[in-house]
């Protein structure tokens, strides 16, 4: 297990940008895929983006072309750069680590695949 702490959320106007950070504890960060999910009020938690230990990236259709996931293993931190934000991007954003499958070749994008979760950070996009 790793402890995850998100930061970087806030209020931004439509068309603006935010960068979310996910700081992980421990020395095993580099072996896990990392993911970002979001949950809007009244909706289920949904996949946004993921990055494997080898830095292969995966995006939801809603995020592709606007969001960029990255990781810095030396800082044990994952990032989500969000550009061209829309009001429908408003949600609590969660960071997750695939602690059940170190060195995974295939990264799945479902909620129950990831074993460790942060507390979330609110992103609000005004129109």
C-alpha atoms as a PDB file:
ATOM      1  CA  UNK A   1       0.000   0.000   0.000  1.00  0.00           C
ATOM      2  CA  UNK A   2       1.003   3.557  -0.620  1.00  0.00           C
ATOM      3  CA  UNK A   3      -0.434   6.748   0.754  1.00  0.00           C
ATOM      4  CA  UNK A   4      -1.586   9.221  -1.875  1.00  0.00           C
ATOM      5  CA  UNK A   5      -2.243  12.940  -1.475  1.00  0.00           C
ATOM      6  CA  UNK A   6      -3.758  15.034  -4.241  1.00  0.00           C
ATOM      7  CA  UNK A   7      -3.365  18.779  -4.618  1.00  0.00           C
ATOM      8  CA  UNK A   8      -3.874  21.464  -7.229  1.00  0.00           C
ATOM      9  CA  UNK A   9      -7.630  21.558  -7.500  1.00  0.00           C
ATOM     10  CA  UNK A  10      -9.601  24.768  -7.453  1.00  0.00           C
ATOM     11  CA  UNK A  11     -11.980  27.070  -9.289  1.00  0.00           C
ATOM     12  CA  UNK A  12     -11.192  27.996 -12.877  1.00  0.00           C
ATOM     13  CA  UNK A  13     -13.093  29.543 -15.751  1.00  0.00           C
ATOM     14  CA  UNK A  14     -13.983  27.535 -18.820  1.00  0.00           C
ATOM     15  CA  UNK A  15     -11.029  27.365 -21.174  1.00  0.00           C
ATOM     16  CA  UNK A  16      -8.550  27.604 -18.339  1.00  0.00           C
ATOM     17  CA  UNK A  17      -5.977  25.134 -17.056  1.00  0.00           C
ATOM     18  CA  UNK A  18      -5.086  23.345 -13.849  1.00  0.00           C
ATOM     19  CA  UNK A  19      -2.353  20.903 -12.911  1.00  0.00           C
ATOM     20  CA  UNK A  20      -3.168  18.280 -10.338  1.00  0.00           C
ATOM     21  CA  UNK A  21      -0.440  16.564  -8.359  1.00  0.00           C
ATOM     22  CA  UNK A  22      -0.495  13.250  -6.544  1.00  0.00           C
ATOM     23  CA  UNK A  23       2.291  12.749  -4.020  1.00  0.00           C
ATOM     24  CA  UNK A  24       2.913   9.146  -3.008  1.00  0.00           C
ATOM     25  CA  UNK A  25       4.596   7.814   0.093  1.00  0.00           C
ATOM     26  CA  UNK A  26       7.072   4.971   0.115  1.00  0.00           C
ATOM     27  CA  UNK A  27       9.833   3.778  -2.153  1.00  0.00           C
ATOM     28  CA  UNK A  28       7.781   1.521  -4.433  1.00  0.00           C
ATOM     29  CA  UNK A  29       6.090   4.230  -6.491  1.00  0.00           C
ATOM     30  CA  UNK A  30       7.968   3.489  -9.694  1.00  0.00           C
ATOM     31  CA  UNK A  31       6.618  -0.067  -9.984  1.00  0.00           C
ATOM     32  CA  UNK A  32       2.922   0.879 -10.052  1.00  0.00           C
ATOM     33  CA  UNK A  33       0.632   2.216 -12.715  1.00  0.00           C
ATOM     34  CA  UNK A  34      -1.020   5.454 -11.623  1.00  0.00           C
ATOM     35  CA  UNK A  35      -4.465   6.644 -12.533  1.00  0.00           C
ATOM     36  CA  UNK A  36      -6.711   9.656 -12.269  1.00  0.00           C
ATOM     37  CA  UNK A  37     -10.459   9.283 -11.843  1.00  0.00           C
ATOM     38  CA  UNK A  38     -13.217  11.772 -11.201  1.00  0.00           C
ATOM     39  CA  UNK A  39     -16.647  11.789  -9.654  1.00  0.00           C
ATOM     40  CA  UNK A  40     -19.291  14.418 -10.252  1.00  0.00           C
ATOM     41  CA  UNK A  41     -22.279  14.812  -7.899  1.00  0.00           C
ATOM     42  CA  UNK A  42     -24.811  12.075  -8.459  1.00  0.00           C
ATOM     43  CA  UNK A  43     -22.572  10.183 -10.862  1.00  0.00           C
ATOM     44  CA  UNK A  44     -20.311   7.187 -10.625  1.00  0.00           C
ATOM     45  CA  UNK A  45     -16.567   7.520 -10.392  1.00  0.00           C
ATOM     46  CA  UNK A  46     -15.101   7.450 -13.893  1.00  0.00           C
ATOM     47  CA  UNK A  47     -11.717   6.911 -15.455  1.00  0.00           C
ATOM     48  CA  UNK A  48      -9.820   9.949 -16.731  1.00  0.00           C
ATOM     49  CA  UNK A  49      -6.231   8.904 -17.428  1.00  0.00           C
ATOM     50  CA  UNK A  50      -3.582   6.370 -16.457  1.00  0.00           C
ATOM     51  CA  UNK A  51       0.143   5.897 -16.863  1.00  0.00           C
ATOM     52  CA  UNK A  52       1.991   2.605 -16.584  1.00  0.00           C
ATOM     53  CA  UNK A  53       5.273   2.052 -14.797  1.00  0.00           C
ATOM     54  CA  UNK A  54       6.877   2.242 -18.263  1.00  0.00           C
ATOM     55  CA  UNK A  55       5.074   5.546 -18.922  1.00  0.00           C
ATOM     56  CA  UNK A  56       2.588   4.265 -21.452  1.00  0.00           C
ATOM     57  CA  UNK A  57      -0.452   6.529 -21.208  1.00  0.00           C
ATOM     58  CA  UNK A  58      -4.172   5.909 -21.480  1.00  0.00           C
ATOM     59  CA  UNK A  59      -6.985   8.459 -21.708  1.00  0.00           C
ATOM     60  CA  UNK A  60     -10.744   8.550 -21.581  1.00  0.00           C
ATOM     61  CA  UNK A  61     -12.286   9.965 -24.731  1.00  0.00           C
ATOM     62  CA  UNK A  62     -13.389  13.009 -22.741  1.00  0.00           C
ATOM     63  CA  UNK A  63      -9.796  13.725 -21.708  1.00  0.00           C
ATOM     64  CA  UNK A  64      -7.840  12.870 -24.843  1.00  0.00           C
ATOM     65  CA  UNK A  65      -6.281  15.901 -26.468  1.00  0.00           C
ATOM     66  CA  UNK A  66      -6.910  18.159 -23.463  1.00  0.00           C
ATOM     67  CA  UNK A  67      -5.384  16.350 -20.481  1.00  0.00           C
ATOM     68  CA  UNK A  68      -1.866  14.977 -20.044  1.00  0.00           C
ATOM     69  CA  UNK A  69      -0.839  12.480 -17.397  1.00  0.00           C
ATOM     70  CA  UNK A  70       2.788  12.195 -16.355  1.00  0.00           C
ATOM     71  CA  UNK A  71       4.928  10.910 -13.518  1.00  0.00           C
ATOM     72  CA  UNK A  72       8.191  11.772 -11.832  1.00  0.00           C
ATOM     73  CA  UNK A  73       9.536   8.689 -10.095  1.00  0.00           C
ATOM     74  CA  UNK A  74      12.317  10.620  -8.376  1.00  0.00           C
ATOM     75  CA  UNK A  75       9.674  12.794  -6.703  1.00  0.00           C
ATOM     76  CA  UNK A  76       7.190   9.890  -6.342  1.00  0.00           C
ATOM     77  CA  UNK A  77       4.561  12.142  -7.823  1.00  0.00           C
ATOM     78  CA  UNK A  78       2.027  11.805 -10.614  1.00  0.00           C
ATOM     79  CA  UNK A  79       0.508  14.747 -12.426  1.00  0.00           C
ATOM     80  CA  UNK A  80      -2.553  15.554 -14.472  1.00  0.00           C
ATOM     81  CA  UNK A  81      -2.268  18.649 -16.637  1.00  0.00           C
ATOM     82  CA  UNK A  82      -5.737  19.775 -17.649  1.00  0.00           C
ATOM     83  CA  UNK A  83      -6.175  22.314 -20.428  1.00  0.00           C
ATOM     84  CA  UNK A  84      -9.223  23.747 -22.190  1.00  0.00           C
ATOM     85  CA  UNK A  85     -11.355  22.925 -19.182  1.00  0.00           C
ATOM     86  CA  UNK A  86     -15.110  22.718 -19.574  1.00  0.00           C
ATOM     87  CA  UNK A  87     -17.921  23.014 -17.015  1.00  0.00           C
ATOM     88  CA  UNK A  88     -18.575  19.287 -17.454  1.00  0.00           C
ATOM     89  CA  UNK A  89     -15.089  18.608 -16.086  1.00  0.00           C
ATOM     90  CA  UNK A  90     -16.316  19.757 -12.674  1.00  0.00           C
ATOM     91  CA  UNK A  91     -15.828  16.894 -10.225  1.00  0.00           C
ATOM     92  CA  UNK A  92     -13.741  15.578  -7.375  1.00  0.00           C
ATOM     93  CA  UNK A  93     -10.562  14.178  -8.902  1.00  0.00           C
ATOM     94  CA  UNK A  94      -8.956  11.133  -7.312  1.00  0.00           C
ATOM     95  CA  UNK A  95      -5.494   9.725  -7.734  1.00  0.00           C
ATOM     96  CA  UNK A  96      -5.049   5.963  -7.594  1.00  0.00           C
ATOM     97  CA  UNK A  97      -2.178   3.486  -7.627  1.00  0.00           C
ATOM     98  CA  UNK A  98      -2.307  -0.055  -8.985  1.00  0.00           C
ATOM     99  CA  UNK A  99      -0.700  -1.527  -5.904  1.00  0.00           C
ATOM    100  CA  UNK A 100      -2.163  -4.979  -6.608  1.00  0.00           C
ATOM    101  CA  UNK A 101      -0.194  -5.411  -9.825  1.00  0.00           C
ATOM    102  CA  UNK A 102       3.393  -4.141  -9.711  1.00  0.00           C
ATOM    103  CA  UNK A 103       5.158  -3.970 -13.073  1.00  0.00           C
ATOM    104  CA  UNK A 104       1.837  -4.597 -14.838  1.00  0.00           C
ATOM    105  CA  UNK A 105       2.155  -4.997 -18.606  1.00  0.00           C
ATOM    106  CA  UNK A 106      -1.472  -4.059 -19.220  1.00  0.00           C
ATOM    107  CA  UNK A 107      -3.109  -1.177 -17.386  1.00  0.00           C
ATOM    108  CA  UNK A 108      -6.828  -1.516 -16.919  1.00  0.00           C
ATOM    109  CA  UNK A 109      -8.958   1.528 -16.457  1.00  0.00           C
ATOM    110  CA  UNK A 110     -11.622   0.383 -14.061  1.00  0.00           C
ATOM    111  CA  UNK A 111     -12.067   1.663 -10.540  1.00  0.00           C
ATOM    112  CA  UNK A 112     -11.724  -1.720  -8.846  1.00  0.00           C
ATOM    113  CA  UNK A 113      -8.383  -2.402 -10.533  1.00  0.00           C
ATOM    114  CA  UNK A 114      -6.576   0.159  -8.423  1.00  0.00           C
ATOM    115  CA  UNK A 115      -5.699  -0.752  -4.854  1.00  0.00           C
ATOM    116  CA  UNK A 116      -4.773   2.581  -3.272  1.00  0.00           C
ATOM    117  CA  UNK A 117      -6.652   5.861  -3.437  1.00  0.00           C
ATOM    118  CA  UNK A 118      -6.193   9.445  -2.361  1.00  0.00           C
ATOM    119  CA  UNK A 119      -8.833  11.590  -0.692  1.00  0.00           C
ATOM    120  CA  UNK A 120      -9.590  13.633  -3.783  1.00  0.00           C
ATOM    121  CA  UNK A 121      -9.335  17.259  -4.815  1.00  0.00           C
ATOM    122  CA  UNK A 122     -12.216  19.409  -6.033  1.00  0.00           C
ATOM    123  CA  UNK A 123     -12.091  20.902  -9.519  1.00  0.00           C
ATOM    124  CA  UNK A 124     -14.783  23.420 -10.398  1.00  0.00           C
ATOM    125  CA  UNK A 125     -15.028  24.921 -13.866  1.00  0.00           C
ATOM    126  CA  UNK A 126     -17.306  27.930 -14.223  1.00  0.00           C
ATOM    127  CA  UNK A 127     -18.984  28.852 -17.482  1.00  0.00           C
END
